[in-house]
C-alpha atoms as a PDB file:
ATOM      1  CA  MET A   1     247.385 -41.611  41.963  1.00  0.00           C
ATOM      2  CA  LYS A   2     248.677 -39.383  45.424  1.00  0.00           C
ATOM      3  CA  ASP A   3     247.791 -36.417  43.833  1.00  0.00           C
ATOM      4  CA  ASN A   4     243.938 -37.472  44.116  1.00  0.00           C
ATOM      5  CA  ILE A   5     244.627 -38.449  47.290  1.00  0.00           C
ATOM      6  CA  TYR A   6     246.243 -35.651  49.011  1.00  0.00           C
ATOM      7  CA  LYS A   7     243.052 -33.321  47.377  1.00  0.00           C
ATOM      8  CA  ILE A   8     240.651 -36.125  49.166  1.00  0.00           C
ATOM      9  CA  LEU A   9     242.271 -35.346  52.293  1.00  0.00           C
ATOM     10  CA  PHE A  10     242.326 -31.450  52.197  1.00  0.00           C
ATOM     11  CA  TYR A  11     239.029 -31.291  51.122  1.00  0.00           C
ATOM     12  CA  ILE A  12     237.944 -33.262  54.320  1.00  0.00           C
ATOM     13  CA  CYS A  13     240.306 -31.610  56.498  1.00  0.00           C
ATOM     14  CA  ILE A  14     239.662 -28.172  56.097  1.00  0.00           C
ATOM     15  CA  PRO A  15     236.220 -27.875  57.231  1.00  0.00           C
ATOM     16  CA  ILE A  16     237.148 -29.681  60.431  1.00  0.00           C
ATOM     17  CA  ILE A  17     239.828 -27.720  61.236  1.00  0.00           C
ATOM     18  CA  GLY A  18     237.783 -24.695  60.223  1.00  0.00           C
ATOM     19  CA  THR A  19     235.187 -25.973  62.741  1.00  0.00           C
ATOM     20  CA  PHE A  20     238.307 -26.229  64.981  1.00  0.00           C
ATOM     21  CA  PHE A  21     239.651 -23.168  64.997  1.00  0.00           C
ATOM     22  CA  GLY A  22     236.003 -21.736  64.864  1.00  0.00           C
ATOM     23  CA  LEU A  23     235.350 -23.371  67.978  1.00  0.00           C
ATOM     24  CA  PHE A  24     238.343 -23.051  70.448  1.00  0.00           C
ATOM     25  CA  PHE A  25     239.775 -19.418  69.046  1.00  0.00           C
ATOM     26  CA  GLY A  26     236.791 -17.312  66.903  1.00  0.00           C
ATOM     27  CA  ILE A  27     235.344 -15.312  70.127  1.00  0.00           C
ATOM     28  CA  VAL A  28     233.230 -12.491  68.877  1.00  0.00           C
ATOM     29  CA  SER A  29     232.510  -9.966  71.625  1.00  0.00           C
ATOM     30  CA  GLN A  30     229.470  -7.963  71.299  1.00  0.00           C
ATOM     31  CA  SER A  31     229.201  -4.876  72.425  1.00  0.00           C
ATOM     32  CA  PHE A  32     226.314  -3.382  74.251  1.00  0.00           C
ATOM     33  CA  ALA A  33     225.120   0.365  75.154  1.00  0.00           C
ATOM     34  CA  VAL A  34     227.447   2.498  77.298  1.00  0.00           C
ATOM     35  CA  ASN A  35     225.975   2.998  80.635  1.00  0.00           C
ATOM     36  CA  SER A  36     226.601   6.452  81.727  1.00  0.00           C
ATOM     37  CA  VAL A  37     225.127   9.598  83.053  1.00  0.00           C
ATOM     38  CA  SER A  38     226.259  13.140  83.180  1.00  0.00           C
ATOM     39  CA  TYR A  39     225.489  17.146  84.285  1.00  0.00           C
ATOM     40  CA  LEU A  40     225.387  19.163  81.457  1.00  0.00           C
ATOM     41  CA  GLY A  41     224.502  22.434  82.478  1.00  0.00           C
ATOM     42  CA  ASN A  42     221.719  24.773  84.015  1.00  0.00           C
ATOM     43  CA  ALA A  43     220.221  28.122  83.190  1.00  0.00           C
ATOM     44  CA  VAL A  44     217.534  30.637  85.298  1.00  0.00           C
ATOM     45  CA  ASN A  45     215.151  33.007  83.925  1.00  0.00           C
ATOM     46  CA  GLY A  46     213.609  35.697  86.192  1.00  0.00           C
ATOM     47  CA  ASN A  47     211.204  36.696  83.377  1.00  0.00           C
ATOM     48  CA  ASN A  48     207.811  37.151  84.434  1.00  0.00           C
ATOM     49  CA  THR A  49     206.112  35.060  81.353  1.00  0.00           C
ATOM     50  CA  ASP A  50     204.375  31.574  80.739  1.00  0.00           C
ATOM     51  CA  ILE A  51     206.821  29.833  78.110  1.00  0.00           C
ATOM     52  CA  TYR A  52     210.980  29.662  79.228  1.00  0.00           C
ATOM     53  CA  THR A  53     213.418  28.815  76.326  1.00  0.00           C
ATOM     54  CA  PHE A  54     216.851  27.552  77.494  1.00  0.00           C
ATOM     55  CA  SER A  55     219.164  27.227  74.985  1.00  0.00           C
ATOM     56  CA  MET A  56     221.675  24.428  76.113  1.00  0.00           C
ATOM     57  CA  SER A  57     224.382  21.634  75.592  1.00  0.00           C
ATOM     58  CA  PHE A  58     222.874  17.984  75.207  1.00  0.00           C
ATOM     59  CA  GLY A  59     226.371  16.557  75.202  1.00  0.00           C
ATOM     60  CA  SER A  60     227.442  13.644  72.190  1.00  0.00           C
ATOM     61  CA  GLU A  61     224.780  12.166  70.256  1.00  0.00           C
ATOM     62  CA  SER A  62     224.141   8.515  71.009  1.00  0.00           C
ATOM     63  CA  THR A  63     220.983   6.117  69.280  1.00  0.00           C
ATOM     64  CA  ASP A  64     220.139   5.514  73.169  1.00  0.00           C
ATOM     65  CA  ARG A  65     220.886   9.114  74.634  1.00  0.00           C
ATOM     66  CA  TYR A  66     218.131  10.080  76.769  1.00  0.00           C
ATOM     67  CA  LEU A  67     218.202  13.817  78.611  1.00  0.00           C
ATOM     68  CA  ILE A  68     216.774  14.429  81.838  1.00  0.00           C
ATOM     69  CA  SER A  69     215.520  18.176  83.062  1.00  0.00           C
ATOM     70  CA  VAL A  70     214.866  19.080  86.604  1.00  0.00           C
ATOM     71  CA  VAL A  71     212.835  22.018  86.482  1.00  0.00           C
ATOM     72  CA  SER A  72     211.685  24.553  89.732  1.00  0.00           C
ATOM     73  CA  CYS A  73     209.694  27.321  89.289  1.00  0.00           C
ATOM     74  CA  THR A  74     207.575  30.593  91.152  1.00  0.00           C
ATOM     75  CA  LEU A  75     204.307  29.923  90.463  1.00  0.00           C
ATOM     76  CA  GLY A  76     201.500  32.635  89.638  1.00  0.00           C
ATOM     77  CA  SER A  77     198.291  31.979  88.899  1.00  0.00           C
ATOM     78  CA  SER A  78     199.389  28.787  86.724  1.00  0.00           C
ATOM     79  CA  ILE A  79     200.847  25.522  87.441  1.00  0.00           C
ATOM     80  CA  ILE A  80     204.821  24.121  85.412  1.00  0.00           C
ATOM     81  CA  GLY A  81     203.184  22.549  82.362  1.00  0.00           C
ATOM     82  CA  SER A  82     204.782  20.784  79.109  1.00  0.00           C
ATOM     83  CA  VAL A  83     208.293  20.232  79.004  1.00  0.00           C
ATOM     84  CA  LYS A  84     210.149  19.781  75.564  1.00  0.00           C
ATOM     85  CA  ILE A  85     213.808  18.668  75.082  1.00  0.00           C
ATOM     86  CA  GLY A  86     214.813  19.503  71.748  1.00  0.00           C
ATOM     87  CA  GLY A  87     211.568  19.719  70.214  1.00  0.00           C
ATOM     88  CA  ILE A  88     210.363  16.618  71.770  1.00  0.00           C
ATOM     89  CA  THR A  89     207.549  16.819  74.515  1.00  0.00           C
ATOM     90  CA  ALA A  90     209.080  15.271  77.962  1.00  0.00           C
ATOM     91  CA  THR A  91     207.479  12.777  80.515  1.00  0.00           C
ATOM     92  CA  GLU A  92     206.705  13.718  83.557  1.00  0.00           C
ATOM     93  CA  VAL A  93     208.458  11.314  86.465  1.00  0.00           C
ATOM     94  CA  SER A  94     208.511  13.472  89.713  1.00  0.00           C
ATOM     95  CA  SER A  95     206.750  16.793  90.854  1.00  0.00           C
ATOM     96  CA  LEU A  96     205.560  18.340  93.912  1.00  0.00           C
ATOM     97  CA  THR A  97     203.945  21.545  94.743  1.00  0.00           C
ATOM     98  CA  ASN A  98     204.167  23.211  97.707  1.00  0.00           C
ATOM     99  CA  GLY A  99     202.545  27.004  97.859  1.00  0.00           C
ATOM    100  CA  SER A 100     204.562  29.536  95.137  1.00  0.00           C
ATOM    101  CA  VAL A 101     207.050  26.675  94.561  1.00  0.00           C
ATOM    102  CA  SER A 102     207.051  23.944  92.209  1.00  0.00           C
ATOM    103  CA  SER A 103     209.907  21.750  90.783  1.00  0.00           C
ATOM    104  CA  LYS A 104     209.804  18.834  88.459  1.00  0.00           C
ATOM    105  CA  ILE A 105     211.760  15.833  86.800  1.00  0.00           C
ATOM    106  CA  HIS A 106     211.289  14.908  83.018  1.00  0.00           C
ATOM    107  CA  ILE A 107     212.792  12.454  80.482  1.00  0.00           C
ATOM    108  CA  ALA A 108     212.932  12.084  77.086  1.00  0.00           C
ATOM    109  CA  ALA A 109     214.582  10.494  74.401  1.00  0.00           C
ATOM    110  CA  VAL A 110     216.639  12.657  71.899  1.00  0.00           C
ATOM    111  CA  PRO A 111     219.260  10.642  70.375  1.00  0.00           C
ATOM    112  CA  THR A 112     220.470  13.284  67.823  1.00  0.00           C
ATOM    113  CA  GLY A 113     221.877  17.337  68.022  1.00  0.00           C
ATOM    114  CA  THR A 114     224.798  18.232  70.110  1.00  0.00           C
ATOM    115  CA  SER A 115     222.217  21.318  71.333  1.00  0.00           C
ATOM    116  CA  GLY A 116     219.067  22.134  71.440  1.00  0.00           C
ATOM    117  CA  ASN A 117     215.963  24.938  73.518  1.00  0.00           C
ATOM    118  CA  VAL A 118     214.490  23.762  76.602  1.00  0.00           C
ATOM    119  CA  VAL A 119     211.264  24.598  76.632  1.00  0.00           C
ATOM    120  CA  ILE A 120     209.078  25.175  79.677  1.00  0.00           C
ATOM    121  CA  SER A 121     205.386  26.382  79.061  1.00  0.00           C
ATOM    122  CA  SER A 122     202.003  27.455  81.619  1.00  0.00           C
ATOM    123  CA  GLY A 123     198.698  28.025  80.965  1.00  0.00           C
ATOM    124  CA  ALA A 124     199.777  31.524  82.734  1.00  0.00           C
ATOM    125  CA  ALA A 125     202.544  33.880  83.406  1.00  0.00           C
ATOM    126  CA  MET A 126     204.937  31.952  85.907  1.00  0.00           C
ATOM    127  CA  TYR A 127     207.334  34.728  88.284  1.00  0.00           C
ATOM    128  CA  GLY A 128     210.057  32.839  87.121  1.00  0.00           C
ATOM    129  CA  CYS A 129     212.194  29.616  85.734  1.00  0.00           C
ATOM    130  CA  GLY A 130     215.563  27.075  86.291  1.00  0.00           C
ATOM    131  CA  VAL A 131     216.066  24.096  84.778  1.00  0.00           C
ATOM    132  CA  ALA A 132     219.028  21.762  84.918  1.00  0.00           C
ATOM    133  CA  LEU A 133     220.007  18.924  82.326  1.00  0.00           C
ATOM    134  CA  TYR A 134     221.218  15.237  82.374  1.00  0.00           C
ATOM    135  CA  ARG A 135     222.582  12.796  79.896  1.00  0.00           C
ATOM    136  CA  ALA A 136     222.153   9.129  80.056  1.00  0.00           C
ATOM    137  CA  THR A 137     222.678   6.067  77.999  1.00  0.00           C
ATOM    138  CA  GLY A 138     222.349   2.670  78.426  1.00  0.00           C
ATOM    139  CA  LEU A 139     219.228   2.645  80.100  1.00  0.00           C
ATOM    140  CA  ASN A 140     217.301  -0.375  80.301  1.00  0.00           C
ATOM    141  CA  SER A 141     213.726   1.546  80.444  1.00  0.00           C
ATOM    142  CA  ALA A 142     212.779   5.514  80.074  1.00  0.00           C
ATOM    143  CA  THR A 143     210.472   4.867  83.261  1.00  0.00           C
ATOM    144  CA  ALA A 144     211.674   5.341  86.227  1.00  0.00           C
ATOM    145  CA  TYR A 145     212.139   2.509  88.731  1.00  0.00           C
ATOM    146  CA  ASP A 146     211.801   4.623  91.904  1.00  0.00           C
ATOM    147  CA  ASN A 147     210.679   8.180  92.610  1.00  0.00           C
ATOM    148  CA  LYS A 148     210.121  10.364  95.618  1.00  0.00           C
ATOM    149  CA  THR A 149     209.402  13.850  97.061  1.00  0.00           C
ATOM    150  CA  SER A 150     209.678  15.536 100.356  1.00  0.00           C
ATOM    151  CA  THR A 151     208.428  19.207 102.060  1.00  0.00           C
ATOM    152  CA  ALA A 152     210.587  18.390 104.923  1.00  0.00           C
ATOM    153  CA  SER A 153     213.617  20.538 105.698  1.00  0.00           C
ATOM    154  CA  PRO A 154     215.953  19.445 105.661  1.00  0.00           C
ATOM    155  CA  GLY A 155     214.883  17.505 102.520  1.00  0.00           C
ATOM    156  CA  SER A 156     215.289  13.883 102.506  1.00  0.00           C
ATOM    157  CA  VAL A 157     214.381  11.035 100.601  1.00  0.00           C
ATOM    158  CA  THR A 158     215.950   6.863 100.406  1.00  0.00           C
ATOM    159  CA  ILE A 159     215.568   6.025  96.420  1.00  0.00           C
ATOM    160  CA  GLY A 160     215.283   2.925  95.503  1.00  0.00           C
ATOM    161  CA  ILE A 161     216.649   0.594  93.037  1.00  0.00           C
ATOM    162  CA  ALA A 162     217.447  -3.099  92.504  1.00  0.00           C
ATOM    163  CA  HIS A 163     220.621  -3.424  89.914  1.00  0.00           C
ATOM    164  CA  PRO A 164     223.361  -0.658  88.793  1.00  0.00           C
ATOM    165  CA  GLY A 165     221.422   2.794  87.990  1.00  0.00           C
ATOM    166  CA  PHE A 166     221.424   6.467  88.858  1.00  0.00           C
ATOM    167  CA  VAL A 167     219.459   8.690  91.002  1.00  0.00           C
ATOM    168  CA  ILE A 168     218.683  12.417  90.036  1.00  0.00           C
ATOM    169  CA  ALA A 169     217.886  14.669  92.997  1.00  0.00           C
ATOM    170  CA  GLY A 170     216.512  18.268  92.671  1.00  0.00           C
ATOM    171  CA  THR A 171     215.528  20.804  95.283  1.00  0.00           C
ATOM    172  CA  SER A 172     214.152  24.514  95.291  1.00  0.00           C
ATOM    173  CA  ALA A 173     212.576  27.238  98.218  1.00  0.00           C
ATOM    174  CA  GLY A 174     211.026  30.423  97.759  1.00  0.00           C
ATOM    175  CA  ALA A 175     214.141  32.677  98.497  1.00  0.00           C
ATOM    176  CA  ALA A 176     217.182  33.844  96.334  1.00  0.00           C
ATOM    177  CA  ASN A 177     221.125  34.370  97.887  1.00  0.00           C
ATOM    178  CA  PHE A 178     221.593  30.697  99.771  1.00  0.00           C
ATOM    179  CA  THR A 179     223.454  27.371  99.374  1.00  0.00           C
ATOM    180  CA  THR A 180     222.106  23.596  99.789  1.00  0.00           C
ATOM    181  CA  THR A 181     224.615  20.997 101.184  1.00  0.00           C
ATOM    182  CA  TRP A 182     223.370  17.515  99.689  1.00  0.00           C
ATOM    183  CA  SER A 183     224.526  13.949 101.050  1.00  0.00           C
ATOM    184  CA  GLY A 184     224.424  11.036  98.700  1.00  0.00           C
ATOM    185  CA  THR A 185     224.778  12.824  95.511  1.00  0.00           C
ATOM    186  CA  SER A 186     227.160  15.026  93.615  1.00  0.00           C
ATOM    187  CA  ASN A 187     226.006  19.085  93.964  1.00  0.00           C
ATOM    188  CA  ASP A 188     226.118  19.961  90.768  1.00  0.00           C
ATOM    189  CA  TYR A 189     224.119  23.826  90.884  1.00  0.00           C
ATOM    190  CA  ASP A 190     222.931  26.000  93.057  1.00  0.00           C
ATOM    191  CA  ALA A 191     221.698  28.851  91.519  1.00  0.00           C
ATOM    192  CA  ASN A 192     219.379  31.954  92.060  1.00  0.00           C
ATOM    193  CA  ILE A 193     216.593  33.758  90.509  1.00  0.00           C
ATOM    194  CA  ASP A 194     216.531  37.229  92.388  1.00  0.00           C
ATOM    195  CA  THR A 195     214.468  39.825  89.988  1.00  0.00           C
ATOM    196  CA  PHE A 196     210.374  39.531  89.817  1.00  0.00           C
ATOM    197  CA  GLN A 197     210.628  37.121  92.804  1.00  0.00           C
ATOM    198  CA  PRO A 198     212.779  34.958  94.179  1.00  0.00           C
ATOM    199  CA  LEU A 199     214.117  31.332  94.107  1.00  0.00           C
ATOM    200  CA  HIS A 200     216.543  29.134  94.629  1.00  0.00           C
ATOM    201  CA  PHE A 201     217.721  25.622  93.239  1.00  0.00           C
ATOM    202  CA  SER A 202     220.333  23.272  93.168  1.00  0.00           C
ATOM    203  CA  GLY A 203     220.593  19.158  92.367  1.00  0.00           C
ATOM    204  CA  GLY A 204     222.910  16.456  92.353  1.00  0.00           C
ATOM    205  CA  TYR A 205     222.950  12.634  90.733  1.00  0.00           C
ATOM    206  CA  ALA A 206     224.843   9.856  91.988  1.00  0.00           C
ATOM    207  CA  GLN A 207     225.781   6.178  90.822  1.00  0.00           C
ATOM    208  CA  ILE A 208     224.038   3.726  93.453  1.00  0.00           C
ATOM    209  CA  SER A 209     223.156  -0.118  92.911  1.00  0.00           C
ATOM    210  CA  SER A 210     221.059  -0.078  96.215  1.00  0.00           C
ATOM    211  CA  PRO A 211     218.788   1.833  98.020  1.00  0.00           C
ATOM    212  CA  THR A 212     220.210   5.072  98.992  1.00  0.00           C
ATOM    213  CA  THR A 213     218.949   7.969 100.927  1.00  0.00           C
ATOM    214  CA  VAL A 214     219.623  11.207  99.611  1.00  0.00           C
ATOM    215  CA  THR A 215     219.356  14.639 101.662  1.00  0.00           C
ATOM    216  CA  ALA A 216     219.384  18.417 101.160  1.00  0.00           C
ATOM    217  CA  THR A 217     220.383  21.030 103.856  1.00  0.00           C
ATOM    218  CA  ARG A 218     219.239  24.436 102.456  1.00  0.00           C
ATOM    219  CA  THR A 219     220.032  27.338 104.624  1.00  0.00           C
ATOM    220  CA  ASN A 220     216.510  28.860 104.035  1.00  0.00           C
ATOM    221  CA  ASN A 221     213.200  26.728 103.967  1.00  0.00           C
ATOM    222  CA  THR A 222     210.684  28.589 102.351  1.00  0.00           C
ATOM    223  CA  SER A 223     208.372  26.994 100.600  1.00  0.00           C
ATOM    224  CA  PRO A 224     210.439  24.020 100.366  1.00  0.00           C
ATOM    225  CA  VAL A 225     210.433  20.941  97.850  1.00  0.00           C
ATOM    226  CA  MET A 226     212.109  18.539  96.714  1.00  0.00           C
ATOM    227  CA  VAL A 227     212.268  15.894  94.120  1.00  0.00           C
ATOM    228  CA  SER A 228     214.160  12.756  92.877  1.00  0.00           C
ATOM    229  CA  ALA A 229     214.339   9.827  90.750  1.00  0.00           C
ATOM    230  CA  SER A 230     215.999   6.439  89.978  1.00  0.00           C
ATOM    231  CA  TRP A 231     216.846   5.076  86.957  1.00  0.00           C
ATOM    232  CA  GLN A 232     218.350   0.914  86.420  1.00  0.00           C
ATOM    233  CA  TYR A 233     221.059   0.286  83.869  1.00  0.00           C
ATOM    234  CA  THR A 234     220.603  -2.368  80.882  1.00  0.00           C
ATOM    235  CA  TYR A 235     221.627  -5.780  83.337  1.00  0.00           C
ATOM    236  CA  THR A 236     223.475  -6.787  80.529  1.00  0.00           C
ATOM    237  CA  ALA A 237     225.792  -3.841  79.607  1.00  0.00           C
ATOM    238  CA  SER A 238     229.019  -5.512  79.396  1.00  0.00           C
ATOM    239  CA  THR A 239     229.897  -7.884  76.297  1.00  0.00           C
ATOM    240  CA  ARG A 240     229.735 -11.759  75.978  1.00  0.00           C
ATOM    241  CA  SER A 241     231.241 -13.608  73.905  1.00  0.00           C
ATOM    242  CA  ARG A 242     229.611 -16.163  71.408  1.00  0.00           C
ATOM    243  CA  PHE A 243     231.597 -19.539  70.043  1.00  0.00           C
ATOM    244  CA  ILE A 244     231.368 -19.384  66.345  1.00  0.00           C
ATOM    245  CA  GLY A 245     232.072 -23.197  65.873  1.00  0.00           C
ATOM    246  CA  PHE A 246     228.212 -25.138  67.111  1.00  0.00           C
ATOM    247  CA  GLY A 247     226.709 -21.198  68.103  1.00  0.00           C
ATOM    248  CA  ILE A 248     227.701 -21.886  71.416  1.00  0.00           C
ATOM    249  CA  GLN A 249     226.510 -18.501  73.232  1.00  0.00           C
ATOM    250  CA  ARG A 250     226.971 -17.576  76.680  1.00  0.00           C
END
């Protein structure tokens, strides 16, 4: 008789105890995407051609990885056409042409591959191109929150953002062997092409959480251009806890 009572109590108590521990101690952390942006490198080609192919590092793979290119070219009778990153046609985000100098920012979702080609195509020959590449994860959208351009000297824009994210900016001018000083972003590269026609391009990025002024001060201002774009991270990018017991989430 006693044994039967103990068994009944055992089978009644186990679910109660399980619910109790699930409610108060069974916390499950759900990981969301890691918010990050990093500079991967730059490359230049001073040849007179209509297709430029650059072999570049893509960084580590991630299901939510985007690659963002900043392209600067000296134009001939054409314009910068399509940009492909790892074989994927990238979306144009920001663009500006001043005389024979043109710069553009593109973005593409490229989840796989640690390296690959960035291919810049145009309808006719250009006189030299350079490209810088960035890796970003944790974006709430591939669509830029804001983009701004400038032909001023120095180049200066105030780029918008609503919650934490980042800005990428680039500048170029139709002369070589000079430098650019940045305010509001890092200075990731100062590159020159001095073969068929001179071109200088430079750029950087910054983590931001409110509207930010970015300024590029060049030591030469021949046909200057400046392009920029900002993206927001996924706002819930953190961890959240779920109480198992009664399915309560917070």
